[in-house]
N, C-alpha and C. Protein backbone atom coordinates (compact mmCIF):
# COMPACT_ATOMS: atom_id res chain seq x y z
N MET A 1 -1.63 -9.51 26.06
CA MET A 1 -1.72 -10.17 24.82
C MET A 1 -0.91 -11.07 24.64
N ARG A 2 -1.17 -12.34 24.20
CA ARG A 2 -0.22 -13.21 23.88
C ARG A 2 0.06 -13.16 22.54
N ILE A 3 1.45 -13.27 22.35
CA ILE A 3 1.76 -13.44 20.86
C ILE A 3 1.57 -14.96 20.31
N TYR A 4 1.85 -15.80 21.06
CA TYR A 4 1.84 -17.01 20.59
C TYR A 4 0.34 -17.84 20.91
N THR A 5 -0.15 -18.56 20.15
CA THR A 5 -1.27 -19.28 20.61
C THR A 5 -1.27 -20.88 20.48
N LYS A 6 0.02 -21.16 19.77
CA LYS A 6 0.11 -22.79 19.65
C LYS A 6 -0.63 -23.53 18.74
N THR A 7 -1.68 -22.96 18.21
CA THR A 7 -2.85 -23.55 17.17
C THR A 7 -2.04 -23.88 15.69
N GLY A 8 -1.22 -23.22 15.44
CA GLY A 8 -0.09 -23.26 14.13
C GLY A 8 0.70 -24.43 14.11
N ASP A 9 0.93 -25.02 15.40
CA ASP A 9 2.17 -25.97 15.52
C ASP A 9 1.98 -27.32 14.79
N GLN A 10 1.01 -27.31 14.32
CA GLN A 10 0.74 -28.44 13.37
C GLN A 10 0.68 -28.34 12.01
N GLY A 11 1.00 -27.07 11.53
CA GLY A 11 1.06 -26.69 9.91
C GLY A 11 -0.22 -26.05 9.56
N GLU A 12 -1.18 -25.91 10.26
CA GLU A 12 -2.34 -25.06 9.92
C GLU A 12 -2.37 -23.71 10.35
N THR A 13 -3.07 -22.67 9.97
CA THR A 13 -3.66 -21.42 10.34
C THR A 13 -4.60 -21.19 9.85
N GLY A 14 -5.44 -20.18 10.87
CA GLY A 14 -6.74 -19.75 10.87
C GLY A 14 -6.90 -18.79 9.73
N ILE A 15 -7.95 -18.59 8.93
CA ILE A 15 -8.24 -17.51 8.02
C ILE A 15 -9.59 -16.88 8.57
N PHE A 16 -9.89 -15.79 7.75
CA PHE A 16 -11.17 -15.13 8.05
C PHE A 16 -12.21 -16.08 7.99
N GLY A 17 -13.26 -15.88 9.15
CA GLY A 17 -14.25 -16.63 9.26
C GLY A 17 -14.11 -17.97 10.33
N GLY A 18 -12.87 -18.04 10.46
CA GLY A 18 -12.68 -19.07 11.42
C GLY A 18 -12.12 -20.61 10.98
N ASP A 19 -12.19 -20.71 9.72
CA ASP A 19 -11.69 -21.82 9.01
C ASP A 19 -10.25 -22.04 9.22
N ARG A 20 -9.69 -23.38 9.17
CA ARG A 20 -8.32 -23.34 9.27
C ARG A 20 -7.75 -24.18 8.08
N VAL A 21 -6.69 -23.86 7.62
CA VAL A 21 -6.28 -24.47 6.47
C VAL A 21 -4.69 -24.57 6.63
N PRO A 22 -3.92 -25.76 5.93
CA PRO A 22 -2.83 -25.72 5.99
C PRO A 22 -1.84 -24.52 5.32
N LYS A 23 -0.58 -24.19 6.23
CA LYS A 23 0.22 -23.28 5.83
C LYS A 23 0.68 -22.86 4.58
N ASP A 24 0.51 -23.94 3.95
CA ASP A 24 1.00 -23.80 2.24
C ASP A 24 -0.18 -23.57 1.47
N ASP A 25 -1.36 -23.28 1.81
CA ASP A 25 -2.77 -23.15 1.08
C ASP A 25 -2.32 -21.80 0.48
N LEU A 26 -2.80 -21.72 -0.87
CA LEU A 26 -2.42 -20.67 -1.79
C LEU A 26 -2.82 -19.60 -1.49
N ARG A 27 -3.89 -19.22 -0.47
CA ARG A 27 -4.31 -17.86 -0.13
C ARG A 27 -3.26 -17.57 1.03
N ILE A 28 -2.74 -18.38 1.78
CA ILE A 28 -1.81 -18.11 2.84
C ILE A 28 -0.25 -17.82 1.98
N GLU A 29 -0.07 -18.35 0.89
CA GLU A 29 1.21 -18.31 0.18
C GLU A 29 1.14 -16.81 -0.25
N THR A 30 0.01 -16.63 -1.14
CA THR A 30 -0.20 -15.30 -1.49
C THR A 30 -0.18 -13.97 -0.41
N ASN A 31 -0.84 -14.13 0.48
CA ASN A 31 -0.67 -13.24 1.57
C ASN A 31 0.69 -13.22 2.17
N GLY A 32 1.45 -14.27 2.20
CA GLY A 32 2.60 -14.28 2.76
C GLY A 32 3.51 -13.32 2.02
N ILE A 33 3.52 -13.46 0.48
CA ILE A 33 4.24 -12.83 -0.40
C ILE A 33 3.99 -11.01 -0.18
N LEU A 34 2.76 -11.05 -0.14
CA LEU A 34 2.18 -9.74 0.31
C LEU A 34 2.67 -8.98 1.38
N ASP A 35 2.85 -9.77 2.47
CA ASP A 35 3.44 -9.32 3.65
C ASP A 35 4.89 -9.06 3.54
N GLU A 36 5.68 -9.93 2.87
CA GLU A 36 7.07 -9.60 2.51
C GLU A 36 7.03 -8.27 1.77
N ALA A 37 6.19 -7.86 0.76
CA ALA A 37 6.38 -6.57 0.07
C ALA A 37 6.10 -5.57 0.89
N ASN A 38 5.06 -5.72 1.96
CA ASN A 38 4.55 -4.83 2.80
C ASN A 38 5.58 -4.40 3.69
N SER A 39 6.43 -5.37 4.25
CA SER A 39 7.55 -5.24 5.18
C SER A 39 8.70 -4.58 4.15
N GLN A 40 9.08 -4.83 3.17
CA GLN A 40 9.80 -4.27 2.43
C GLN A 40 9.73 -2.70 2.28
N ILE A 41 8.28 -2.27 2.10
CA ILE A 41 7.65 -0.93 1.92
C ILE A 41 7.96 -0.03 3.23
N GLY A 42 7.75 -1.01 4.16
CA GLY A 42 7.93 -0.32 5.77
C GLY A 42 9.53 -0.03 5.79
N TYR A 43 10.55 -0.97 5.41
CA TYR A 43 11.65 -0.75 5.32
C TYR A 43 12.19 0.59 4.49
N LEU A 44 11.54 0.73 3.41
CA LEU A 44 11.64 1.74 2.60
C LEU A 44 11.18 3.14 3.22
N ARG A 45 10.16 3.06 3.99
CA ARG A 45 9.64 4.26 4.79
C ARG A 45 10.65 4.42 5.91
N ALA A 46 11.44 3.56 6.68
CA ALA A 46 12.25 3.95 7.48
C ALA A 46 13.50 4.36 6.91
N MET A 47 13.90 3.89 5.85
CA MET A 47 15.18 4.78 5.13
C MET A 47 14.91 6.09 4.78
N LEU A 48 13.52 6.54 4.37
CA LEU A 48 13.29 7.70 3.81
C LEU A 48 13.11 8.76 5.05
N GLY A 49 12.79 8.34 6.02
CA GLY A 49 12.70 9.20 7.19
C GLY A 49 11.23 10.07 7.11
N GLU A 50 10.77 10.29 8.24
CA GLU A 50 9.22 10.87 8.65
C GLU A 50 9.15 12.15 7.56
N ALA A 51 9.70 13.14 6.96
CA ALA A 51 9.65 14.15 6.78
C ALA A 51 9.61 13.90 4.95
N HIS A 52 9.62 12.82 4.61
CA HIS A 52 9.91 12.51 2.93
C HIS A 52 8.61 12.65 2.37
N ASP A 53 8.56 13.15 1.24
CA ASP A 53 7.16 13.43 0.57
C ASP A 53 6.50 12.31 -0.03
N TRP A 54 7.14 11.01 0.04
CA TRP A 54 6.55 9.76 -0.22
C TRP A 54 5.67 9.22 0.83
N GLN A 55 5.97 9.60 2.14
CA GLN A 55 5.74 8.88 3.33
C GLN A 55 4.07 8.53 3.64
N LYS A 56 3.35 9.79 3.06
CA LYS A 56 1.75 9.69 3.30
C LYS A 56 1.34 8.75 2.07
N ASN A 57 1.84 8.51 0.91
CA ASN A 57 1.24 7.60 0.00
C ASN A 57 1.70 6.06 0.22
N LEU A 58 3.03 5.91 0.65
CA LEU A 58 3.63 4.50 1.05
C LEU A 58 2.62 4.09 2.18
N HIS A 59 2.36 5.10 3.41
CA HIS A 59 1.75 4.41 4.52
C HIS A 59 0.04 4.05 3.81
N ARG A 60 -0.56 4.79 3.03
CA ARG A 60 -1.56 4.34 2.47
C ARG A 60 -1.61 3.17 2.01
N ILE A 61 -0.49 2.81 1.02
CA ILE A 61 -0.30 1.40 0.39
C ILE A 61 -0.24 0.48 1.47
N GLN A 62 0.63 0.87 2.51
CA GLN A 62 0.66 -0.49 3.47
C GLN A 62 -0.73 -0.88 4.04
N ARG A 63 -1.34 0.46 4.12
CA ARG A 63 -2.67 0.09 5.04
C ARG A 63 -3.57 -0.74 3.85
N ASP A 64 -3.60 -0.29 2.57
CA ASP A 64 -4.38 -1.10 1.56
C ASP A 64 -4.07 -2.39 1.54
N LEU A 65 -2.71 -2.63 1.60
CA LEU A 65 -2.14 -4.23 1.55
C LEU A 65 -2.88 -4.91 2.57
N MET A 66 -2.90 -4.15 3.75
CA MET A 66 -3.66 -5.09 4.96
C MET A 66 -4.84 -5.39 4.55
N CYS A 67 -5.78 -4.54 4.09
CA CYS A 67 -6.96 -4.75 3.88
C CYS A 67 -6.97 -5.79 2.65
N MET A 68 -6.34 -5.78 1.57
CA MET A 68 -6.30 -6.56 0.53
C MET A 68 -6.11 -7.82 1.01
N MET A 69 -5.22 -8.13 2.00
CA MET A 69 -4.86 -9.46 2.58
C MET A 69 -5.96 -10.22 3.39
N SER A 70 -6.66 -9.21 4.06
CA SER A 70 -7.85 -9.71 4.65
C SER A 70 -8.79 -10.40 3.68
N HIS A 71 -9.15 -9.55 2.46
CA HIS A 71 -10.04 -10.03 1.42
C HIS A 71 -9.47 -11.38 0.91
N ILE A 72 -8.33 -11.47 0.68
CA ILE A 72 -7.59 -12.69 -0.06
C ILE A 72 -7.83 -13.70 1.01
N ALA A 73 -7.65 -13.53 2.25
CA ALA A 73 -8.00 -14.78 3.30
C ALA A 73 -9.31 -15.08 3.45
N THR A 74 -10.46 -14.19 2.77
CA THR A 74 -11.71 -14.57 3.23
C THR A 74 -12.27 -15.47 2.43
N PRO A 75 -12.39 -16.64 2.48
CA PRO A 75 -13.11 -17.75 1.76
C PRO A 75 -14.53 -17.24 0.84
N ALA A 76 -14.56 -17.68 -0.23
CA ALA A 76 -15.81 -17.36 -1.09
C ALA A 76 -17.22 -17.83 -0.18
N ASN A 77 -16.96 -18.99 0.48
CA ASN A 77 -18.31 -19.45 1.10
C ASN A 77 -18.35 -19.06 2.37
N CYS A 78 -17.67 -17.89 2.90
CA CYS A 78 -17.60 -17.55 4.18
C CYS A 78 -18.89 -16.54 4.47
N THR A 79 -19.71 -17.02 5.53
CA THR A 79 -20.77 -16.42 6.01
C THR A 79 -20.66 -15.16 6.78
N LYS A 80 -19.38 -14.95 7.50
CA LYS A 80 -19.20 -13.92 8.27
C LYS A 80 -18.86 -12.77 7.39
N LYS A 81 -19.39 -11.46 7.49
CA LYS A 81 -19.10 -10.28 6.44
C LYS A 81 -17.44 -9.73 7.12
N ASN A 82 -16.80 -9.66 6.09
CA ASN A 82 -15.44 -9.07 6.29
C ASN A 82 -15.68 -7.38 6.13
N MET A 83 -15.49 -6.67 7.50
CA MET A 83 -15.82 -5.23 7.32
C MET A 83 -14.62 -4.44 6.77
N LYS A 84 -13.44 -5.20 6.64
CA LYS A 84 -12.19 -4.27 6.09
C LYS A 84 -12.78 -3.58 4.73
N PRO A 85 -12.32 -2.30 4.81
CA PRO A 85 -12.55 -1.45 3.50
C PRO A 85 -11.96 -2.23 2.34
N HIS A 86 -12.54 -1.95 1.03
CA HIS A 86 -12.00 -2.48 -0.14
C HIS A 86 -11.34 -1.35 -0.88
N PRO A 87 -9.98 -0.98 -1.07
CA PRO A 87 -9.57 -0.02 -1.55
C PRO A 87 -9.46 -0.05 -3.21
N GLU A 88 -10.83 0.11 -3.31
CA GLU A 88 -11.07 -0.06 -5.09
C GLU A 88 -10.50 1.07 -5.96
N ASP A 89 -10.09 2.05 -5.24
CA ASP A 89 -9.37 3.33 -6.16
C ASP A 89 -7.97 3.14 -6.23
N GLY A 90 -7.48 1.90 -5.59
CA GLY A 90 -5.90 1.82 -5.62
C GLY A 90 -5.26 1.91 -7.02
N ALA A 91 -5.97 1.20 -7.98
CA ALA A 91 -5.05 1.45 -9.19
C ALA A 91 -5.23 2.91 -9.87
N ASP A 92 -6.37 3.31 -9.77
CA ASP A 92 -6.39 5.14 -9.94
C ASP A 92 -5.21 5.95 -9.29
N PHE A 93 -5.15 5.47 -7.77
CA PHE A 93 -4.40 6.39 -6.96
C PHE A 93 -3.04 5.91 -7.64
N CYS A 94 -2.43 4.81 -7.82
CA CYS A 94 -1.17 4.60 -8.49
C CYS A 94 -0.70 5.37 -9.55
N GLU A 95 -1.73 5.27 -10.38
CA GLU A 95 -1.74 6.27 -11.99
C GLU A 95 -1.50 7.40 -11.60
N LYS A 96 -2.42 8.12 -10.67
CA LYS A 96 -2.41 9.51 -10.52
C LYS A 96 -0.59 9.77 -9.96
N TRP A 97 -0.25 8.83 -8.98
CA TRP A 97 1.17 9.36 -8.63
C TRP A 97 2.13 8.97 -9.40
N ILE A 98 1.96 8.09 -10.51
CA ILE A 98 2.99 7.82 -11.37
C ILE A 98 3.00 8.70 -12.29
N GLU A 99 1.90 9.41 -12.64
CA GLU A 99 1.90 10.42 -13.49
C GLU A 99 2.53 11.47 -13.29
N ALA A 100 2.26 12.02 -11.99
CA ALA A 100 3.20 13.04 -11.38
C ALA A 100 4.45 12.71 -11.06
N LEU A 101 5.05 11.73 -10.72
CA LEU A 101 6.49 11.35 -10.87
C LEU A 101 6.98 11.11 -12.39
N LEU A 102 6.39 10.70 -13.27
CA LEU A 102 7.06 10.88 -14.51
C LEU A 102 7.41 12.41 -14.94
N LYS A 103 6.68 13.30 -14.73
CA LYS A 103 7.20 14.82 -14.98
C LYS A 103 8.17 14.94 -14.23
N GLU A 104 8.76 14.44 -13.25
CA GLU A 104 10.18 14.50 -12.75
C GLU A 104 11.20 13.87 -13.75
N LEU A 105 10.96 12.94 -14.37
CA LEU A 105 11.88 12.19 -15.23
C LEU A 105 11.77 12.73 -16.66
N GLN A 106 11.09 13.42 -17.09
CA GLN A 106 10.77 14.13 -18.36
C GLN A 106 11.34 13.37 -19.49
N GLU A 107 12.32 13.61 -19.60
CA GLU A 107 12.89 13.14 -21.19
C GLU A 107 13.19 11.78 -21.03
N GLU A 108 13.43 11.06 -19.96
CA GLU A 108 13.93 9.62 -19.85
C GLU A 108 12.80 8.62 -20.18
N LYS A 109 13.13 7.83 -21.15
CA LYS A 109 12.01 7.00 -21.52
C LYS A 109 12.23 5.59 -21.61
N ASP A 110 13.68 5.23 -21.08
CA ASP A 110 14.02 3.83 -20.82
C ASP A 110 13.23 2.95 -20.00
N PHE A 111 12.64 1.93 -20.36
CA PHE A 111 12.25 0.90 -19.54
C PHE A 111 12.91 -0.42 -19.43
N PHE A 112 13.98 -0.57 -19.76
CA PHE A 112 14.62 -1.62 -19.54
C PHE A 112 15.92 -1.25 -19.11
N LEU A 113 15.80 -1.33 -17.61
CA LEU A 113 17.33 -1.01 -16.87
C LEU A 113 17.21 -2.13 -15.45
N LEU A 114 18.48 -2.17 -15.48
CA LEU A 114 19.09 -3.15 -14.47
C LEU A 114 18.46 -2.58 -12.90
N PRO A 115 18.06 -3.44 -12.13
CA PRO A 115 17.48 -2.93 -11.09
C PRO A 115 18.83 -2.44 -9.97
N GLY A 116 18.85 -1.59 -9.48
CA GLY A 116 19.86 -1.16 -8.58
C GLY A 116 19.70 0.27 -7.95
N GLY A 117 21.04 1.04 -8.43
CA GLY A 117 21.11 2.61 -8.09
C GLY A 117 21.51 2.70 -6.53
N ASP A 118 20.98 3.19 -5.75
CA ASP A 118 21.46 3.57 -4.41
C ASP A 118 20.41 2.58 -3.64
N THR A 119 20.66 2.67 -2.34
CA THR A 119 19.70 1.59 -1.47
C THR A 119 18.32 1.86 -1.49
N ILE A 120 18.00 3.26 -1.69
CA ILE A 120 16.51 3.56 -1.88
C ILE A 120 15.76 3.01 -3.17
N SER A 121 16.81 3.19 -4.20
CA SER A 121 16.20 2.66 -5.35
C SER A 121 16.15 1.25 -5.55
N ALA A 122 17.18 0.50 -4.85
CA ALA A 122 17.35 -0.93 -5.02
C ALA A 122 16.04 -1.43 -3.98
N THR A 123 15.74 -0.90 -3.11
CA THR A 123 14.71 -1.60 -2.00
C THR A 123 13.11 -1.10 -2.72
N CYS A 124 13.11 0.02 -3.69
CA CYS A 124 11.80 0.24 -4.41
C CYS A 124 11.84 -1.17 -5.46
N HIS A 125 12.94 -1.44 -5.97
CA HIS A 125 12.83 -2.78 -7.02
C HIS A 125 12.49 -4.22 -6.23
N LEU A 126 13.00 -4.33 -4.86
CA LEU A 126 12.75 -5.38 -4.20
C LEU A 126 11.22 -5.41 -3.91
N ALA A 127 10.57 -4.34 -3.40
CA ALA A 127 9.17 -4.18 -3.43
C ALA A 127 8.49 -4.59 -4.59
N ARG A 128 8.77 -3.77 -5.47
CA ARG A 128 8.14 -3.99 -7.24
C ARG A 128 8.34 -5.58 -7.42
N THR A 129 9.26 -6.23 -7.36
CA THR A 129 9.58 -7.68 -7.72
C THR A 129 8.78 -8.42 -6.51
N LYS A 130 8.79 -8.25 -5.58
CA LYS A 130 7.87 -8.82 -4.61
C LYS A 130 6.14 -8.83 -4.95
N ILE A 131 5.97 -7.55 -5.25
CA ILE A 131 4.41 -7.54 -5.59
C ILE A 131 4.22 -8.17 -6.88
N ARG A 132 5.20 -8.14 -7.88
CA ARG A 132 4.79 -9.08 -8.94
C ARG A 132 4.73 -10.33 -8.91
N THR A 133 5.25 -10.93 -7.90
CA THR A 133 5.67 -12.44 -7.35
C THR A 133 3.89 -12.53 -6.75
N ALA A 134 3.52 -11.68 -5.82
CA ALA A 134 2.13 -11.81 -5.28
C ALA A 134 1.20 -11.56 -6.27
N GLU A 135 1.46 -10.99 -7.46
CA GLU A 135 0.28 -10.80 -8.42
C GLU A 135 0.30 -12.49 -9.17
N ARG A 136 1.34 -12.82 -9.45
CA ARG A 136 1.13 -14.39 -9.95
C ARG A 136 0.68 -15.09 -9.30
N ARG A 137 0.80 -15.16 -7.77
CA ARG A 137 0.17 -16.04 -6.98
C ARG A 137 -1.59 -15.79 -7.24
N LEU A 138 -1.89 -14.49 -6.87
CA LEU A 138 -2.99 -14.06 -6.91
C LEU A 138 -3.89 -14.50 -8.14
N VAL A 139 -3.13 -14.62 -9.35
CA VAL A 139 -3.81 -15.04 -10.60
C VAL A 139 -4.27 -16.64 -10.40
N THR A 140 -3.34 -17.36 -9.96
CA THR A 140 -3.53 -18.79 -9.57
C THR A 140 -4.53 -18.90 -8.64
N LEU A 141 -4.46 -18.39 -7.48
CA LEU A 141 -5.67 -18.39 -6.71
C LEU A 141 -7.05 -18.14 -7.06
N SER A 142 -7.01 -17.12 -8.01
CA SER A 142 -8.32 -16.64 -8.44
C SER A 142 -8.72 -17.73 -9.53
N LYS A 143 -8.01 -18.56 -9.93
CA LYS A 143 -8.47 -19.53 -10.92
C LYS A 143 -9.41 -20.60 -10.12
N ALA A 144 -9.10 -20.60 -8.73
CA ALA A 144 -9.80 -21.67 -8.16
C ALA A 144 -10.84 -20.89 -7.27
N GLU A 145 -10.42 -19.76 -6.84
CA GLU A 145 -11.58 -18.98 -6.14
C GLU A 145 -11.25 -17.62 -6.03
N PRO A 146 -12.18 -17.10 -7.28
CA PRO A 146 -12.09 -15.74 -7.60
C PRO A 146 -11.96 -14.47 -6.23
N LYS A 147 -11.48 -13.63 -6.61
CA LYS A 147 -11.01 -12.44 -5.66
C LYS A 147 -11.39 -11.47 -6.47
N PRO A 148 -11.58 -10.24 -5.59
CA PRO A 148 -12.24 -8.84 -6.07
C PRO A 148 -11.10 -8.26 -7.24
N VAL A 149 -11.72 -8.27 -8.38
CA VAL A 149 -10.88 -7.76 -9.69
C VAL A 149 -9.95 -6.45 -9.11
N TYR A 150 -10.47 -5.63 -8.22
CA TYR A 150 -9.53 -4.42 -8.25
C TYR A 150 -8.46 -4.86 -7.58
N ILE A 151 -8.26 -6.04 -6.73
CA ILE A 151 -7.08 -6.20 -6.45
C ILE A 151 -5.77 -6.58 -7.33
N HIS A 152 -6.26 -7.25 -8.47
CA HIS A 152 -5.41 -7.67 -9.49
C HIS A 152 -4.88 -6.29 -10.00
N GLY A 153 -5.65 -5.20 -10.45
CA GLY A 153 -5.51 -4.18 -11.11
C GLY A 153 -4.33 -3.32 -10.14
N TYR A 154 -4.70 -3.33 -8.79
CA TYR A 154 -3.75 -2.42 -7.76
C TYR A 154 -2.75 -2.98 -7.74
N LEU A 155 -2.54 -4.43 -7.67
CA LEU A 155 -0.89 -4.86 -7.58
C LEU A 155 -0.24 -4.55 -8.88
N ASN A 156 -0.90 -4.92 -9.89
CA ASN A 156 -0.39 -4.48 -11.26
C ASN A 156 0.24 -3.19 -11.43
N ARG A 157 -0.63 -2.14 -10.68
CA ARG A 157 -0.11 -0.78 -10.91
C ARG A 157 0.93 -0.31 -9.85
N LEU A 158 0.68 -1.17 -8.88
CA LEU A 158 1.74 -1.01 -7.69
C LEU A 158 3.20 -1.41 -8.17
N SER A 159 3.24 -2.32 -8.84
CA SER A 159 4.64 -2.98 -9.49
C SER A 159 5.18 -1.72 -10.31
N ASP A 160 4.36 -1.33 -10.98
CA ASP A 160 4.81 0.04 -12.15
C ASP A 160 5.21 1.03 -11.19
N LEU A 161 4.48 1.32 -10.41
CA LEU A 161 4.87 2.63 -9.44
C LEU A 161 5.97 2.38 -8.61
N PHE A 162 6.72 1.32 -8.17
CA PHE A 162 7.72 1.17 -7.49
C PHE A 162 8.94 1.20 -8.60
N PHE A 163 8.36 0.83 -9.98
CA PHE A 163 9.56 0.63 -11.12
C PHE A 163 9.83 2.26 -11.04
N VAL A 164 8.65 3.12 -10.98
CA VAL A 164 9.12 4.79 -11.29
C VAL A 164 9.43 5.34 -9.96
N LEU A 165 9.20 4.86 -8.92
CA LEU A 165 9.80 5.36 -7.67
C LEU A 165 11.63 5.17 -7.64
N ALA A 166 11.68 3.87 -8.22
CA ALA A 166 13.24 3.58 -8.15
C ALA A 166 13.71 4.39 -9.21
N ARG A 167 13.38 4.75 -10.13
CA ARG A 167 14.04 5.80 -11.17
C ARG A 167 14.05 7.27 -10.64
N VAL A 168 13.00 7.67 -10.14
CA VAL A 168 12.89 9.07 -9.44
C VAL A 168 14.07 9.05 -8.38
N GLN A 169 14.06 8.26 -7.66
CA GLN A 169 14.98 8.42 -6.54
C GLN A 169 16.41 8.52 -7.38
N MET A 170 16.84 7.32 -8.23
CA MET A 170 18.02 7.52 -8.77
C MET A 170 18.18 8.87 -9.51
N LYS A 171 17.61 9.66 -10.18
CA LYS A 171 17.64 10.82 -10.66
C LYS A 171 17.94 11.54 -9.53
N LYS A 172 17.08 11.80 -8.53
CA LYS A 172 17.69 12.48 -7.43
C LYS A 172 18.90 12.40 -6.76
N ALA A 173 19.28 11.23 -6.76
CA ALA A 173 20.65 10.80 -6.25
C ALA A 173 21.77 10.79 -7.07
N GLY A 174 21.49 11.41 -8.43
CA GLY A 174 22.32 11.55 -9.03
C GLY A 174 23.03 10.29 -9.69
N VAL A 175 22.32 9.08 -9.59
CA VAL A 175 22.66 7.77 -10.12
C VAL A 175 22.39 7.57 -11.54
N LYS A 176 23.19 7.21 -12.13
CA LYS A 176 23.01 6.86 -13.87
C LYS A 176 22.30 5.57 -13.73
N PRO A 177 21.18 5.52 -14.31
CA PRO A 177 20.60 4.12 -14.49
C PRO A 177 21.61 3.05 -15.49
N GLU A 178 21.54 1.94 -15.11
CA GLU A 178 22.11 1.09 -16.29
C GLU A 178 21.15 0.33 -17.03
N LYS A 179 21.34 0.80 -18.23
CA LYS A 179 20.37 0.34 -18.99
C LYS A 179 20.72 -1.20 -19.83
N PHE A 180 19.76 -2.04 -19.97
CA PHE A 180 19.89 -2.98 -20.30
C PHE A 180 19.56 -3.12 -21.90
N ALA A 181 20.26 -3.57 -22.52
CA ALA A 181 20.12 -3.70 -24.26
C ALA A 181 19.61 -5.00 -24.72
N LEU A 182 18.41 -4.99 -25.14
CA LEU A 182 17.68 -6.12 -25.73
C LEU A 182 18.63 -6.91 -26.91
N LEU A 183 19.02 -6.10 -27.62
CA LEU A 183 20.27 -6.50 -28.90
C LEU A 183 21.70 -6.07 -28.52
N ARG A 184 22.49 -7.18 -28.26
CA ARG A 184 23.69 -6.90 -28.11
C ARG A 184 24.63 -6.13 -29.54
N LYS A 185 25.12 -5.37 -29.60
CA LYS A 185 25.91 -4.31 -30.79
C LYS A 185 26.82 -5.39 -31.02
N LYS A 186 27.17 -5.74 -32.37
CA LYS A 186 28.60 -6.17 -32.80
C LYS A 186 29.85 -5.50 -32.28
N ASP A 187 30.74 -6.39 -31.90
CA ASP A 187 32.00 -5.39 -31.70
C ASP A 187 32.93 -5.06 -32.75
């Protein structure tokens, strides 16, 4: 198998269905950002180790992102049927996991925290912010070419999920979150 095809050397790339588009096409940009998020999740999984209880769910998210990227790359006028599954239950999957994780946090209700903590929680924040960036690009893309609505909801919940994962990790690691006060107290 060859890794390089040389077909992209002039600044174009192939999309599902065989069309070629510029590498700065909005669908390519959106997928590039999702690819970065997926890589950050892969890095997180590598840091956690195989036996960690988040592995199965994170693996599912990575696979779902690949399927969503395939559908994002599929033009609306494509005559070829995209056979990749649609992870339409993704938002529900995230909500159930979030609810389970929130039980571990119990009394902690602060949602304005500075990203950081330990390496694992900081990596969760990196994935969260990259997913938010992809979500914004998807909104712009969908104005020109609507994409399946479940993708929007799934990405929105994923960023929430990675925020909660970061908080749970900080609690497990005994790292106190740094709160961000919206109003500064007078000295």
